[in-house]
């Protein structure tokens, strides 16, 4: 799934989301940015995830990462405490 398509899925559910536009973003820089900005979850998507219809969801505060199907992503984030923006 394309990064913006993934963001669109989240936006449509009322979830605030942003993505890095670099071709090969560095994980450490993205993690530092998320920590500085208080972003609770990071979605990590590579070629294998795209092929399997899943994303890796990293809970920043708990330092835990789980693989979640795209079909269950919104529900997973809501269950993890994410609330729709108004």
N, C-alpha and C. Protein backbone atom coordinates (compact mmCIF):
# COMPACT_ATOMS: atom_id res chain seq x y z
N UNK A 1 0.86 -1.18 0.00
CA UNK A 1 0.00 0.00 0.00
C UNK A 1 0.90 1.24 0.00
N UNK A 2 0.55 2.17 -0.78
CA UNK A 2 1.29 3.42 -0.87
C UNK A 2 1.11 4.20 0.43
N UNK A 3 2.13 4.91 0.83
CA UNK A 3 2.09 5.65 2.10
C UNK A 3 0.90 6.59 2.21
N UNK A 4 0.63 7.33 1.14
CA UNK A 4 -0.49 8.26 1.19
C UNK A 4 -1.83 7.53 1.23
N UNK A 5 -1.91 6.38 0.59
CA UNK A 5 -3.14 5.59 0.67
C UNK A 5 -3.37 5.11 2.10
N UNK A 6 -2.30 4.75 2.78
CA UNK A 6 -2.41 4.35 4.17
C UNK A 6 -2.85 5.53 5.03
N UNK A 7 -2.26 6.70 4.80
CA UNK A 7 -2.68 7.90 5.52
C UNK A 7 -4.15 8.20 5.24
N UNK A 8 -4.56 8.08 4.00
CA UNK A 8 -5.95 8.35 3.63
C UNK A 8 -6.90 7.42 4.40
N UNK A 9 -6.53 6.17 4.55
CA UNK A 9 -7.35 5.21 5.31
C UNK A 9 -7.52 5.70 6.75
N UNK A 10 -6.43 6.19 7.33
CA UNK A 10 -6.49 6.69 8.70
C UNK A 10 -7.27 8.01 8.78
N UNK A 11 -7.01 8.90 7.85
CA UNK A 11 -7.73 10.18 7.83
C UNK A 11 -9.23 9.96 7.70
N UNK A 12 -9.62 9.03 6.84
CA UNK A 12 -11.05 8.75 6.65
C UNK A 12 -11.70 8.25 7.93
N UNK A 13 -10.92 7.65 8.82
CA UNK A 13 -11.44 7.17 10.10
C UNK A 13 -11.32 8.25 11.18
N UNK A 14 -10.81 9.44 10.81
CA UNK A 14 -10.68 10.52 11.77
C UNK A 14 -9.40 10.47 12.58
N UNK A 15 -8.44 9.67 12.14
CA UNK A 15 -7.17 9.52 12.86
C UNK A 15 -6.13 10.45 12.25
N UNK A 16 -5.51 11.27 13.09
CA UNK A 16 -4.44 12.15 12.62
C UNK A 16 -3.26 11.29 12.18
N UNK A 17 -2.72 11.56 11.00
CA UNK A 17 -1.60 10.78 10.47
C UNK A 17 -0.75 11.64 9.56
N UNK A 18 0.52 11.31 9.50
CA UNK A 18 1.44 11.97 8.58
C UNK A 18 2.44 10.94 8.10
N UNK A 19 3.08 11.24 6.99
CA UNK A 19 4.07 10.28 6.48
C UNK A 19 5.31 11.02 6.00
N UNK A 20 6.40 10.29 6.00
CA UNK A 20 7.68 10.81 5.53
C UNK A 20 7.74 10.59 4.02
N UNK A 21 8.12 11.61 3.28
CA UNK A 21 8.14 11.52 1.82
C UNK A 21 9.47 11.04 1.25
N UNK A 22 10.44 10.78 2.10
CA UNK A 22 11.74 10.32 1.60
C UNK A 22 11.64 8.90 1.06
N UNK A 23 12.43 8.59 0.07
CA UNK A 23 12.40 7.26 -0.55
C UNK A 23 12.80 6.17 0.44
N UNK A 24 13.83 6.40 1.21
CA UNK A 24 14.30 5.42 2.19
C UNK A 24 14.53 6.11 3.53
N UNK A 25 13.44 6.41 4.24
CA UNK A 25 13.60 7.13 5.50
C UNK A 25 14.33 6.29 6.55
N UNK A 26 15.12 6.95 7.37
CA UNK A 26 15.89 6.27 8.43
C UNK A 26 15.01 6.09 9.66
N UNK A 27 14.95 4.86 10.15
CA UNK A 27 14.09 4.53 11.28
C UNK A 27 14.45 5.35 12.52
N UNK A 28 15.72 5.51 12.82
CA UNK A 28 16.14 6.23 14.02
C UNK A 28 15.65 7.68 13.99
N UNK A 29 15.74 8.34 12.85
CA UNK A 29 15.28 9.72 12.73
C UNK A 29 13.78 9.80 12.91
N UNK A 30 13.06 8.85 12.34
CA UNK A 30 11.61 8.85 12.47
C UNK A 30 11.17 8.58 13.91
N UNK A 31 11.86 7.66 14.56
CA UNK A 31 11.55 7.34 15.95
C UNK A 31 11.81 8.55 16.84
N UNK A 32 12.93 9.23 16.64
CA UNK A 32 13.23 10.43 17.41
C UNK A 32 12.17 11.51 17.19
N UNK A 33 11.75 11.67 15.96
CA UNK A 33 10.71 12.65 15.64
C UNK A 33 9.42 12.30 16.38
N UNK A 34 9.02 11.03 16.34
CA UNK A 34 7.80 10.59 17.02
C UNK A 34 7.88 10.84 18.52
N UNK A 35 9.03 10.56 19.10
CA UNK A 35 9.22 10.79 20.54
C UNK A 35 9.12 12.28 20.87
N UNK A 36 9.78 13.12 20.07
CA UNK A 36 9.77 14.56 20.31
C UNK A 36 8.38 15.16 20.17
N UNK A 37 7.60 14.64 19.24
CA UNK A 37 6.27 15.19 18.95
C UNK A 37 5.16 14.53 19.76
N UNK A 38 5.48 13.52 20.56
CA UNK A 38 4.47 12.84 21.36
C UNK A 38 3.54 11.96 20.53
N UNK A 39 4.03 11.46 19.43
CA UNK A 39 3.23 10.60 18.56
C UNK A 39 3.20 9.20 19.18
N UNK A 40 2.00 8.66 19.45
CA UNK A 40 1.91 7.40 20.19
C UNK A 40 2.23 6.14 19.38
N UNK A 41 1.96 6.16 18.07
CA UNK A 41 2.17 4.97 17.25
C UNK A 41 2.90 5.33 15.97
N UNK A 42 3.76 4.41 15.52
CA UNK A 42 4.40 4.52 14.21
C UNK A 42 3.98 3.29 13.41
N UNK A 43 3.71 3.49 12.14
CA UNK A 43 3.41 2.38 11.25
C UNK A 43 4.63 2.14 10.38
N UNK A 44 5.09 0.92 10.36
CA UNK A 44 6.27 0.56 9.59
C UNK A 44 5.83 -0.37 8.47
N UNK A 45 6.10 0.05 7.23
CA UNK A 45 5.65 -0.71 6.07
C UNK A 45 6.82 -0.90 5.11
N UNK A 46 7.12 -2.14 4.82
CA UNK A 46 8.14 -2.47 3.83
C UNK A 46 7.54 -3.33 2.74
N UNK A 47 8.38 -3.82 1.86
CA UNK A 47 7.90 -4.64 0.74
C UNK A 47 7.16 -5.88 1.21
N UNK A 48 7.69 -6.56 2.23
CA UNK A 48 7.03 -7.78 2.73
C UNK A 48 5.65 -7.47 3.30
N UNK A 49 5.54 -6.37 4.03
CA UNK A 49 4.25 -5.99 4.60
C UNK A 49 3.24 -5.69 3.50
N UNK A 50 3.68 -4.95 2.49
CA UNK A 50 2.80 -4.64 1.37
C UNK A 50 2.31 -5.92 0.71
N UNK A 51 3.22 -6.85 0.47
CA UNK A 51 2.87 -8.11 -0.18
C UNK A 51 1.88 -8.93 0.63
N UNK A 52 1.95 -8.78 1.97
CA UNK A 52 1.09 -9.57 2.85
C UNK A 52 -0.13 -8.82 3.36
N UNK A 53 -0.31 -7.57 2.97
CA UNK A 53 -1.47 -6.79 3.40
C UNK A 53 -1.48 -6.47 4.88
N UNK A 54 -0.29 -6.23 5.43
CA UNK A 54 -0.17 -5.93 6.86
C UNK A 54 0.71 -4.70 7.06
N UNK A 55 0.69 -4.17 8.27
CA UNK A 55 1.62 -3.12 8.69
C UNK A 55 2.15 -3.50 10.06
N UNK A 56 3.34 -3.04 10.37
CA UNK A 56 3.88 -3.20 11.72
C UNK A 56 3.54 -1.93 12.48
N UNK A 57 2.86 -2.10 13.60
CA UNK A 57 2.46 -0.97 14.43
C UNK A 57 3.37 -0.94 15.64
N UNK A 58 4.13 0.14 15.76
CA UNK A 58 5.03 0.30 16.90
C UNK A 58 4.40 1.25 17.91
N UNK A 59 4.14 0.73 19.11
CA UNK A 59 3.65 1.55 20.20
C UNK A 59 4.87 2.22 20.81
N UNK A 60 4.99 3.52 20.62
CA UNK A 60 6.18 4.26 21.03
C UNK A 60 6.37 4.23 22.55
N UNK A 61 5.31 4.45 23.29
CA UNK A 61 5.42 4.53 24.75
C UNK A 61 5.77 3.18 25.37
N UNK A 62 5.18 2.11 24.86
CA UNK A 62 5.42 0.78 25.43
C UNK A 62 6.58 0.05 24.77
N UNK A 63 7.12 0.63 23.69
CA UNK A 63 8.22 0.02 22.94
C UNK A 63 7.89 -1.41 22.53
N UNK A 64 6.69 -1.58 21.98
CA UNK A 64 6.20 -2.88 21.52
C UNK A 64 5.79 -2.72 20.06
N UNK A 65 6.06 -3.75 19.27
CA UNK A 65 5.67 -3.71 17.86
C UNK A 65 4.86 -4.96 17.54
N UNK A 66 3.72 -4.76 16.86
CA UNK A 66 2.87 -5.87 16.45
C UNK A 66 2.54 -5.75 14.98
N UNK A 67 2.34 -6.88 14.33
CA UNK A 67 1.91 -6.91 12.94
C UNK A 67 0.39 -6.97 12.91
N UNK A 68 -0.20 -6.05 12.14
CA UNK A 68 -1.65 -5.92 12.10
C UNK A 68 -2.09 -5.90 10.63
N UNK A 69 -3.18 -6.59 10.33
CA UNK A 69 -3.69 -6.57 8.95
C UNK A 69 -4.26 -5.18 8.65
N UNK A 70 -4.18 -4.79 7.39
CA UNK A 70 -4.72 -3.49 7.00
C UNK A 70 -6.21 -3.40 7.31
N UNK A 71 -6.91 -4.52 7.16
CA UNK A 71 -8.35 -4.52 7.43
C UNK A 71 -8.68 -4.24 8.89
N UNK A 72 -7.78 -4.56 9.80
CA UNK A 72 -8.02 -4.38 11.23
C UNK A 72 -7.28 -3.19 11.83
N UNK A 73 -6.57 -2.43 11.01
CA UNK A 73 -5.69 -1.38 11.52
C UNK A 73 -6.44 -0.31 12.31
N UNK A 74 -7.50 0.23 11.76
CA UNK A 74 -8.23 1.31 12.43
C UNK A 74 -8.76 0.83 13.78
N UNK A 75 -9.37 -0.34 13.80
CA UNK A 75 -9.91 -0.88 15.05
C UNK A 75 -8.79 -1.11 16.07
N UNK A 76 -7.64 -1.59 15.59
CA UNK A 76 -6.50 -1.82 16.47
C UNK A 76 -6.04 -0.52 17.11
N UNK A 77 -5.93 0.54 16.32
CA UNK A 77 -5.49 1.83 16.85
C UNK A 77 -6.50 2.40 17.84
N UNK A 78 -7.80 2.29 17.53
CA UNK A 78 -8.82 2.76 18.46
C UNK A 78 -8.75 1.96 19.76
N UNK A 79 -8.55 0.65 19.67
CA UNK A 79 -8.45 -0.18 20.87
C UNK A 79 -7.20 0.19 21.68
N UNK A 80 -6.17 0.71 21.00
CA UNK A 80 -4.94 1.12 21.68
C UNK A 80 -5.00 2.51 22.27
N UNK A 81 -6.14 3.17 22.18
CA UNK A 81 -6.29 4.47 22.80
C UNK A 81 -6.33 5.66 21.87
N UNK A 82 -6.15 5.44 20.58
CA UNK A 82 -6.22 6.54 19.62
C UNK A 82 -7.68 7.01 19.55
N UNK A 83 -7.86 8.31 19.54
CA UNK A 83 -9.19 8.90 19.45
C UNK A 83 -9.29 9.74 18.18
N UNK A 84 -10.47 9.74 17.57
CA UNK A 84 -10.65 10.55 16.35
C UNK A 84 -10.43 12.03 16.65
N UNK A 85 -9.86 12.73 15.69
CA UNK A 85 -9.71 14.17 15.83
C UNK A 85 -11.01 14.83 15.44
N UNK A 86 -11.27 16.00 16.00
CA UNK A 86 -12.54 16.68 15.67
C UNK A 86 -12.37 17.66 14.55
